[in-house]
Each structure stands twice: as C-alpha cells, then as structure tokens.
Amino acid sequence: MNDYLKEIAVVCGIDKVLTSHVARHTFATTITLQNGVPIESVSKMLGHTNIRTTQIYAKILDLKVSEDMQALKGRLAKKTGTDH
C-alpha cells in the first residue's frame, strides 16, 4: 500500500513521503475532525476500540479549537441575547 501512496505522491507533485500512517493521520485530522465529525465517530471509522487511541492518534488542530470556541460563543450569545 505504501508503494501506491508513493506513486500517487509523485503523480500529484507532493514532496512529503506518503505512508498509510500519514494517510490515517490526515484522514483523522484534516478530513474528519476539522470538518466537525465527532471524535467518537472518527474512532469508529479508524477501527479503534478505545477512544484514547484516537485521541493520541489524531491531534486536534488549533484551528478546530478556535472554530469550536467561536461556535460556542455564537450559541451562548443567542441564549443570552447578546452579540459580543
């Protein structure tokens, strides 16, 4: 599988060495978590039986945390009737 990923990287002009580990990490962080998929779902998608494995495997991006805080701020503002 890693050989196929390396071929894809060459065809696409990607300088990074692609491996199945890199692909899983990218899937967990960039494709799922950054797009709002709950970590419990990501854990199931990756076939982890323990969510702690997913928490170690899939780092939460600072951007995701910032987006979540902005969403929370918006929800709280709606409940209290304030916009700041």
PDB file of N, CA and C in Angstrom:
ATOM      1  N   MET A   1       0.816  -1.187   0.000  1.00  0.00           N
ATOM      2  CA  MET A   1       0.000   0.000   0.000  1.00  0.00           C
ATOM      3  C   MET A   1       0.862   1.255   0.000  1.00  0.00           C
ATOM      4  N   ASN A   2       1.923   1.289   0.788  1.00  0.00           N
ATOM      5  CA  ASN A   2       2.775   2.472   0.841  1.00  0.00           C
ATOM      6  C   ASN A   2       3.401   2.774  -0.519  1.00  0.00           C
ATOM      7  N   ASP A   3       3.698   1.723  -1.312  1.00  0.00           N
ATOM      8  CA  ASP A   3       4.251   1.942  -2.652  1.00  0.00           C
ATOM      9  C   ASP A   3       3.261   2.684  -3.532  1.00  0.00           C
ATOM     10  N   TYR A   4       1.983   2.328  -3.431  1.00  0.00           N
ATOM     11  CA  TYR A   4       0.947   3.026  -4.201  1.00  0.00           C
ATOM     12  C   TYR A   4       0.831   4.477  -3.776  1.00  0.00           C
ATOM     13  N   LEU A   5       0.893   4.717  -2.480  1.00  0.00           N
ATOM     14  CA  LEU A   5       0.816   6.089  -1.978  1.00  0.00           C
ATOM     15  C   LEU A   5       2.006   6.912  -2.475  1.00  0.00           C
ATOM     16  N   LYS A   6       3.183   6.294  -2.533  1.00  0.00           N
ATOM     17  CA  LYS A   6       4.362   6.995  -3.036  1.00  0.00           C
ATOM     18  C   LYS A   6       4.194   7.341  -4.507  1.00  0.00           C
ATOM     19  N   GLU A   7       3.597   6.438  -5.278  1.00  0.00           N
ATOM     20  CA  GLU A   7       3.331   6.713  -6.697  1.00  0.00           C
ATOM     21  C   GLU A   7       2.346   7.873  -6.846  1.00  0.00           C
ATOM     22  N   ILE A   8       1.319   7.863  -6.019  1.00  0.00           N
ATOM     23  CA  ILE A   8       0.331   8.947  -6.051  1.00  0.00           C
ATOM     24  C   ILE A   8       1.004  10.280  -5.726  1.00  0.00           C
ATOM     25  N   ALA A   9       1.887  10.274  -4.741  1.00  0.00           N
ATOM     26  CA  ALA A   9       2.589  11.495  -4.360  1.00  0.00           C
ATOM     27  C   ALA A   9       3.404  12.034  -5.531  1.00  0.00           C
ATOM     28  N   VAL A  10       4.083  11.158  -6.250  1.00  0.00           N
ATOM     29  CA  VAL A  10       4.881  11.584  -7.396  1.00  0.00           C
ATOM     30  C   VAL A  10       3.987  12.184  -8.469  1.00  0.00           C
ATOM     31  N   VAL A  11       2.898  11.493  -8.804  1.00  0.00           N
ATOM     32  CA  VAL A  11       1.978  11.965  -9.840  1.00  0.00           C
ATOM     33  C   VAL A  11       1.378  13.321  -9.471  1.00  0.00           C
ATOM     34  N   CYS A  12       1.079  13.505  -8.187  1.00  0.00           N
ATOM     35  CA  CYS A  12       0.435  14.747  -7.732  1.00  0.00           C
ATOM     36  C   CYS A  12       1.435  15.844  -7.383  1.00  0.00           C
ATOM     37  N   GLY A  13       2.719  15.532  -7.454  1.00  0.00           N
ATOM     38  CA  GLY A  13       3.734  16.533  -7.129  1.00  0.00           C
ATOM     39  C   GLY A  13       3.843  16.827  -5.651  1.00  0.00           C
ATOM     40  N   ILE A  14       3.529  15.850  -4.818  1.00  0.00           N
ATOM     41  CA  ILE A  14       3.609  16.014  -3.364  1.00  0.00           C
ATOM     42  C   ILE A  14       5.004  15.598  -2.913  1.00  0.00           C
ATOM     43  N   ASP A  15       5.693  16.508  -2.206  1.00  0.00           N
ATOM     44  CA  ASP A  15       7.057  16.237  -1.764  1.00  0.00           C
ATOM     45  C   ASP A  15       7.120  15.382  -0.506  1.00  0.00           C
ATOM     46  N   LYS A  16       6.073  15.377   0.279  1.00  0.00           N
ATOM     47  CA  LYS A  16       6.044  14.623   1.531  1.00  0.00           C
ATOM     48  C   LYS A  16       5.970  13.124   1.249  1.00  0.00           C
ATOM     49  N   VAL A  17       6.665  12.338   2.052  1.00  0.00           N
ATOM     50  CA  VAL A  17       6.611  10.884   1.907  1.00  0.00           C
ATOM     51  C   VAL A  17       5.264  10.414   2.444  1.00  0.00           C
ATOM     52  N   LEU A  18       4.454   9.814   1.586  1.00  0.00           N
ATOM     53  CA  LEU A  18       3.134   9.340   1.992  1.00  0.00           C
ATOM     54  C   LEU A  18       3.220   7.882   2.416  1.00  0.00           C
ATOM     55  N   THR A  19       2.608   7.606   3.559  1.00  0.00           N
ATOM     56  CA  THR A  19       2.513   6.240   4.077  1.00  0.00           C
ATOM     57  C   THR A  19       1.087   6.028   4.561  1.00  0.00           C
ATOM     58  N   SER A  20       0.747   4.799   4.878  1.00  0.00           N
ATOM     59  CA  SER A  20      -0.599   4.544   5.401  1.00  0.00           C
ATOM     60  C   SER A  20      -0.799   5.280   6.726  1.00  0.00           C
ATOM     61  N   HIS A  21       0.264   5.405   7.509  1.00  0.00           N
ATOM     62  CA  HIS A  21       0.163   6.137   8.778  1.00  0.00           C
ATOM     63  C   HIS A  21      -0.164   7.611   8.516  1.00  0.00           C
ATOM     64  N   VAL A  22       0.535   8.227   7.573  1.00  0.00           N
ATOM     65  CA  VAL A  22       0.281   9.622   7.228  1.00  0.00           C
ATOM     66  C   VAL A  22      -1.150   9.774   6.701  1.00  0.00           C
ATOM     67  N   ALA A  23      -1.589   8.819   5.890  1.00  0.00           N
ATOM     68  CA  ALA A  23      -2.947   8.876   5.334  1.00  0.00           C
ATOM     69  C   ALA A  23      -3.996   8.800   6.438  1.00  0.00           C
ATOM     70  N   ARG A  24      -3.818   7.909   7.394  1.00  0.00           N
ATOM     71  CA  ARG A  24      -4.767   7.783   8.508  1.00  0.00           C
ATOM     72  C   ARG A  24      -4.773   9.054   9.354  1.00  0.00           C
ATOM     73  N   HIS A  25      -3.589   9.598   9.605  1.00  0.00           N
ATOM     74  CA  HIS A  25      -3.479  10.816  10.402  1.00  0.00           C
ATOM     75  C   HIS A  25      -4.183  11.978   9.683  1.00  0.00           C
ATOM     76  N   THR A  26      -3.956  12.100   8.389  1.00  0.00           N
ATOM     77  CA  THR A  26      -4.592  13.153   7.605  1.00  0.00           C
ATOM     78  C   THR A  26      -6.105  12.978   7.600  1.00  0.00           C
ATOM     79  N   PHE A  27      -6.548  11.743   7.419  1.00  0.00           N
ATOM     80  CA  PHE A  27      -7.983  11.466   7.447  1.00  0.00           C
ATOM     81  C   PHE A  27      -8.574  11.885   8.786  1.00  0.00           C
ATOM     82  N   ALA A  28      -7.907  11.514   9.875  1.00  0.00           N
ATOM     83  CA  ALA A  28      -8.425  11.798  11.212  1.00  0.00           C
ATOM     84  C   ALA A  28      -8.473  13.292  11.505  1.00  0.00           C
ATOM     85  N   THR A  29      -7.440  14.012  11.127  1.00  0.00           N
ATOM     86  CA  THR A  29      -7.387  15.426  11.493  1.00  0.00           C
ATOM     87  C   THR A  29      -8.028  16.328  10.450  1.00  0.00           C
ATOM     88  N   THR A  30      -7.521  16.296   9.241  1.00  0.00           N
ATOM     89  CA  THR A  30      -7.931  17.252   8.214  1.00  0.00           C
ATOM     90  C   THR A  30      -9.297  16.949   7.626  1.00  0.00           C
ATOM     91  N   ILE A  31      -9.564  15.689   7.368  1.00  0.00           N
ATOM     92  CA  ILE A  31     -10.809  15.341   6.690  1.00  0.00           C
ATOM     93  C   ILE A  31     -11.975  15.243   7.665  1.00  0.00           C
ATOM     94  N   THR A  32     -11.774  14.660   8.818  1.00  0.00           N
ATOM     95  CA  THR A  32     -12.914  14.449   9.712  1.00  0.00           C
ATOM     96  C   THR A  32     -13.012  15.499  10.820  1.00  0.00           C
ATOM     97  N   LEU A  33     -12.049  15.541  11.716  1.00  0.00           N
ATOM     98  CA  LEU A  33     -12.148  16.430  12.873  1.00  0.00           C
ATOM     99  C   LEU A  33     -12.270  17.895  12.470  1.00  0.00           C
ATOM    100  N   GLN A  34     -11.494  18.319  11.504  1.00  0.00           N
ATOM    101  CA  GLN A  34     -11.542  19.722  11.089  1.00  0.00           C
ATOM    102  C   GLN A  34     -12.866  20.060  10.412  1.00  0.00           C
ATOM    103  N   ASN A  35     -13.599  19.055   9.994  1.00  0.00           N
ATOM    104  CA  ASN A  35     -14.897  19.286   9.354  1.00  0.00           C
ATOM    105  C   ASN A  35     -16.065  18.940  10.272  1.00  0.00           C
ATOM    106  N   GLY A  36     -15.792  18.888  11.572  1.00  0.00           N
ATOM    107  CA  GLY A  36     -16.859  18.769  12.549  1.00  0.00           C
ATOM    108  C   GLY A  36     -17.335  17.369  12.882  1.00  0.00           C
ATOM    109  N   VAL A  37     -16.631  16.340  12.416  1.00  0.00           N
ATOM    110  CA  VAL A  37     -17.034  14.970  12.748  1.00  0.00           C
ATOM    111  C   VAL A  37     -16.601  14.699  14.198  1.00  0.00           C
ATOM    112  N   PRO A  38     -17.509  14.239  15.041  1.00  0.00           N
ATOM    113  CA  PRO A  38     -17.156  13.968  16.445  1.00  0.00           C
ATOM    114  C   PRO A  38     -16.063  12.909  16.556  1.00  0.00           C
ATOM    115  N   ILE A  39     -15.213  13.059  17.549  1.00  0.00           N
ATOM    116  CA  ILE A  39     -14.083  12.142  17.724  1.00  0.00           C
ATOM    117  C   ILE A  39     -14.563  10.702  17.946  1.00  0.00           C
ATOM    118  N   GLU A  40     -15.768  10.550  18.527  1.00  0.00           N
ATOM    119  CA  GLU A  40     -16.308   9.197  18.717  1.00  0.00           C
ATOM    120  C   GLU A  40     -16.553   8.525  17.365  1.00  0.00           C
ATOM    121  N   SER A  41     -17.041   9.281  16.412  1.00  0.00           N
ATOM    122  CA  SER A  41     -17.265   8.743  15.069  1.00  0.00           C
ATOM    123  C   SER A  41     -15.942   8.443  14.374  1.00  0.00           C
ATOM    124  N   VAL A  42     -14.986   9.344  14.522  1.00  0.00           N
ATOM    125  CA  VAL A  42     -13.669   9.136  13.919  1.00  0.00           C
ATOM    126  C   VAL A  42     -13.047   7.859  14.480  1.00  0.00           C
ATOM    127  N   SER A  43     -13.200   7.662  15.775  1.00  0.00           N
ATOM    128  CA  SER A  43     -12.665   6.470  16.428  1.00  0.00           C
ATOM    129  C   SER A  43     -13.228   5.199  15.791  1.00  0.00           C
ATOM    130  N   LYS A  44     -14.533   5.189  15.569  1.00  0.00           N
ATOM    131  CA  LYS A  44     -15.178   4.038  14.927  1.00  0.00           C
ATOM    132  C   LYS A  44     -14.681   3.867  13.496  1.00  0.00           C
ATOM    133  N   MET A  45     -14.568   4.991  12.761  1.00  0.00           N
ATOM    134  CA  MET A  45     -14.106   4.932  11.374  1.00  0.00           C
ATOM    135  C   MET A  45     -12.705   4.350  11.259  1.00  0.00           C
ATOM    136  N   LEU A  46     -11.860   4.673  12.244  1.00  0.00           N
ATOM    137  CA  LEU A  46     -10.489   4.174  12.229  1.00  0.00           C
ATOM    138  C   LEU A  46     -10.376   2.762  12.800  1.00  0.00           C
ATOM    139  N   GLY A  47     -11.480   2.241  13.331  1.00  0.00           N
ATOM    140  CA  GLY A  47     -11.473   0.892  13.878  1.00  0.00           C
ATOM    141  C   GLY A  47     -10.860   0.780  15.255  1.00  0.00           C
ATOM    142  N   HIS A  48     -10.808   1.878  15.983  1.00  0.00           N
ATOM    143  CA  HIS A  48     -10.258   1.853  17.335  1.00  0.00           C
ATOM    144  C   HIS A  48     -11.323   1.360  18.311  1.00  0.00           C
ATOM    145  N   THR A  49     -10.948   0.479  19.218  1.00  0.00           N
ATOM    146  CA  THR A  49     -11.879   0.009  20.238  1.00  0.00           C
ATOM    147  C   THR A  49     -11.870   0.918  21.459  1.00  0.00           C
ATOM    148  N   ASN A  50     -10.823   1.717  21.595  1.00  0.00           N
ATOM    149  CA  ASN A  50     -10.703   2.633  22.721  1.00  0.00           C
ATOM    150  C   ASN A  50     -10.487   4.042  22.182  1.00  0.00           C
ATOM    151  N   ILE A  51     -11.320   4.978  22.588  1.00  0.00           N
ATOM    152  CA  ILE A  51     -11.216   6.353  22.082  1.00  0.00           C
ATOM    153  C   ILE A  51      -9.888   6.998  22.466  1.00  0.00           C
ATOM    154  N   ARG A  52      -9.245   6.518  23.503  1.00  0.00           N
ATOM    155  CA  ARG A  52      -7.938   7.059  23.890  1.00  0.00           C
ATOM    156  C   ARG A  52      -6.913   6.865  22.774  1.00  0.00           C
ATOM    157  N   THR A  53      -7.037   5.776  22.050  1.00  0.00           N
ATOM    158  CA  THR A  53      -6.150   5.542  20.911  1.00  0.00           C
ATOM    159  C   THR A  53      -6.345   6.635  19.875  1.00  0.00           C
ATOM    160  N   THR A  54      -7.587   6.995  19.622  1.00  0.00           N
ATOM    161  CA  THR A  54      -7.902   8.032  18.641  1.00  0.00           C
ATOM    162  C   THR A  54      -7.389   9.379  19.118  1.00  0.00           C
ATOM    163  N   GLN A  55      -7.521   9.653  20.402  1.00  0.00           N
ATOM    164  CA  GLN A  55      -7.063  10.930  20.949  1.00  0.00           C
ATOM    165  C   GLN A  55      -5.556  11.086  20.788  1.00  0.00           C
ATOM    166  N   ILE A  56      -4.829  10.004  20.921  1.00  0.00           N
ATOM    167  CA  ILE A  56      -3.380  10.047  20.729  1.00  0.00           C
ATOM    168  C   ILE A  56      -3.066  10.179  19.248  1.00  0.00           C
ATOM    169  N   TYR A  57      -3.766   9.409  18.456  1.00  0.00           N
ATOM    170  CA  TYR A  57      -3.502   9.309  17.026  1.00  0.00           C
ATOM    171  C   TYR A  57      -3.863  10.573  16.267  1.00  0.00           C
ATOM    172  N   ALA A  58      -4.976  11.181  16.609  1.00  0.00           N
ATOM    173  CA  ALA A  58      -5.489  12.330  15.859  1.00  0.00           C
ATOM    174  C   ALA A  58      -5.345  13.590  16.684  1.00  0.00           C
ATOM    175  N   LYS A  59      -4.322  14.364  16.397  1.00  0.00           N
ATOM    176  CA  LYS A  59      -4.139  15.617  17.137  1.00  0.00           C
ATOM    177  C   LYS A  59      -5.239  16.594  16.742  1.00  0.00           C
ATOM    178  N   ILE A  60      -5.715  17.321  17.713  1.00  0.00           N
ATOM    179  CA  ILE A  60      -6.729  18.343  17.456  1.00  0.00           C
ATOM    180  C   ILE A  60      -6.007  19.601  16.987  1.00  0.00           C
ATOM    181  N   LEU A  61      -6.374  20.058  15.834  1.00  0.00           N
ATOM    182  CA  LEU A  61      -5.724  21.230  15.268  1.00  0.00           C
ATOM    183  C   LEU A  61      -6.173  22.494  15.988  1.00  0.00           C
ATOM    184  N   ASP A  62      -5.255  23.434  16.159  1.00  0.00           N
ATOM    185  CA  ASP A  62      -5.576  24.713  16.805  1.00  0.00           C
ATOM    186  C   ASP A  62      -6.728  25.406  16.097  1.00  0.00           C
ATOM    187  N   LEU A  63      -6.777  25.283  14.782  1.00  0.00           N
ATOM    188  CA  LEU A  63      -7.860  25.889  14.020  1.00  0.00           C
ATOM    189  C   LEU A  63      -9.204  25.317  14.441  1.00  0.00           C
ATOM    190  N   LYS A  64      -9.266  24.021  14.652  1.00  0.00           N
ATOM    191  CA  LYS A  64     -10.510  23.364  15.060  1.00  0.00           C
ATOM    192  C   LYS A  64     -10.942  23.881  16.427  1.00  0.00           C
ATOM    193  N   VAL A  65     -10.036  24.012  17.344  1.00  0.00           N
ATOM    194  CA  VAL A  65     -10.358  24.516  18.681  1.00  0.00           C
ATOM    195  C   VAL A  65     -10.889  25.942  18.573  1.00  0.00           C
ATOM    196  N   SER A  66     -10.238  26.758  17.766  1.00  0.00           N
ATOM    197  CA  SER A  66     -10.689  28.137  17.584  1.00  0.00           C
ATOM    198  C   SER A  66     -12.092  28.181  16.984  1.00  0.00           C
ATOM    199  N   GLU A  67     -12.353  27.334  15.980  1.00  0.00           N
ATOM    200  CA  GLU A  67     -13.686  27.280  15.364  1.00  0.00           C
ATOM    201  C   GLU A  67     -14.739  26.840  16.374  1.00  0.00           C
ATOM    202  N   ASP A  68     -14.398  25.865  17.199  1.00  0.00           N
ATOM    203  CA  ASP A  68     -15.337  25.378  18.207  1.00  0.00           C
ATOM    204  C   ASP A  68     -15.648  26.469  19.229  1.00  0.00           C
ATOM    205  N   MET A  69     -14.638  27.231  19.621  1.00  0.00           N
ATOM    206  CA  MET A  69     -14.857  28.315  20.580  1.00  0.00           C
ATOM    207  C   MET A  69     -15.742  29.403  19.972  1.00  0.00           C
ATOM    208  N   GLN A  70     -15.549  29.719  18.690  1.00  0.00           N
ATOM    209  CA  GLN A  70     -16.391  30.717  18.027  1.00  0.00           C
ATOM    210  C   GLN A  70     -17.840  30.225  17.940  1.00  0.00           C
ATOM    211  N   ALA A  71     -18.015  28.939  17.631  1.00  0.00           N
ATOM    212  CA  ALA A  71     -19.367  28.373  17.555  1.00  0.00           C
ATOM    213  C   ALA A  71     -20.042  28.423  18.922  1.00  0.00           C
ATOM    214  N   LEU A  72     -19.298  28.087  19.960  1.00  0.00           N
ATOM    215  CA  LEU A  72     -19.833  28.144  21.320  1.00  0.00           C
ATOM    216  C   LEU A  72     -20.215  29.577  21.683  1.00  0.00           C
ATOM    217  N   LYS A  73     -19.354  30.518  21.343  1.00  0.00           N
ATOM    218  CA  LYS A  73     -19.636  31.929  21.615  1.00  0.00           C
ATOM    219  C   LYS A  73     -20.947  32.347  20.942  1.00  0.00           C
ATOM    220  N   GLY A  74     -21.146  31.926  19.703  1.00  0.00           N
ATOM    221  CA  GLY A  74     -22.370  32.251  18.983  1.00  0.00           C
ATOM    222  C   GLY A  74     -23.603  31.645  19.629  1.00  0.00           C
ATOM    223  N   ARG A  75     -23.490  30.375  20.040  1.00  0.00           N
ATOM    224  CA  ARG A  75     -24.636  29.717  20.689  1.00  0.00           C
ATOM    225  C   ARG A  75     -24.974  30.382  22.018  1.00  0.00           C
ATOM    226  N   LEU A  76     -23.961  30.730  22.785  1.00  0.00           N
ATOM    227  CA  LEU A  76     -24.184  31.389  24.077  1.00  0.00           C
ATOM    228  C   LEU A  76     -24.798  32.774  23.871  1.00  0.00           C
ATOM    229  N   ALA A  77     -24.341  33.491  22.839  1.00  0.00           N
ATOM    230  CA  ALA A  77     -24.879  34.821  22.566  1.00  0.00           C
ATOM    231  C   ALA A  77     -26.355  34.733  22.206  1.00  0.00           C
ATOM    232  N   LYS A  78     -26.743  33.718  21.472  1.00  0.00           N
ATOM    233  CA  LYS A  78     -28.164  33.536  21.114  1.00  0.00           C
ATOM    234  C   LYS A  78     -29.004  33.283  22.343  1.00  0.00           C
ATOM    235  N   LYS A  79     -28.467  32.493  23.277  1.00  0.00           N
ATOM    236  CA  LYS A  79     -29.218  32.169  24.502  1.00  0.00           C
ATOM    237  C   LYS A  79     -29.391  33.382  25.405  1.00  0.00           C
ATOM    238  N   THR A  80     -28.373  34.239  25.437  1.00  0.00           N
ATOM    239  CA  THR A  80     -28.421  35.401  26.336  1.00  0.00           C
ATOM    240  C   THR A  80     -28.909  36.656  25.641  1.00  0.00           C
ATOM    241  N   GLY A  81     -29.018  36.596  24.308  1.00  0.00           N
ATOM    242  CA  GLY A  81     -29.499  37.748  23.554  1.00  0.00           C
ATOM    243  C   GLY A  81     -28.442  38.818  23.344  1.00  0.00           C
ATOM    244  N   THR A  82     -27.155  38.459  23.484  1.00  0.00           N
ATOM    245  CA  THR A  82     -26.069  39.404  23.247  1.00  0.00           C
ATOM    246  C   THR A  82     -25.283  38.962  22.035  1.00  0.00           C
ATOM    247  N   ASP A  83     -24.562  39.902  21.435  1.00  0.00           N
ATOM    248  CA  ASP A  83     -23.760  39.585  20.259  1.00  0.00           C
ATOM    249  C   ASP A  83     -22.279  39.845  20.466  1.00  0.00           C
ATOM    250  N   HIS A  84     -21.775  39.867  21.665  1.00  0.00           N
ATOM    251  CA  HIS A  84     -20.350  40.163  21.864  1.00  0.00           C
ATOM    252  C   HIS A  84     -19.658  39.060  22.543  1.00  0.00           C
TER     253      HIS A  84
END
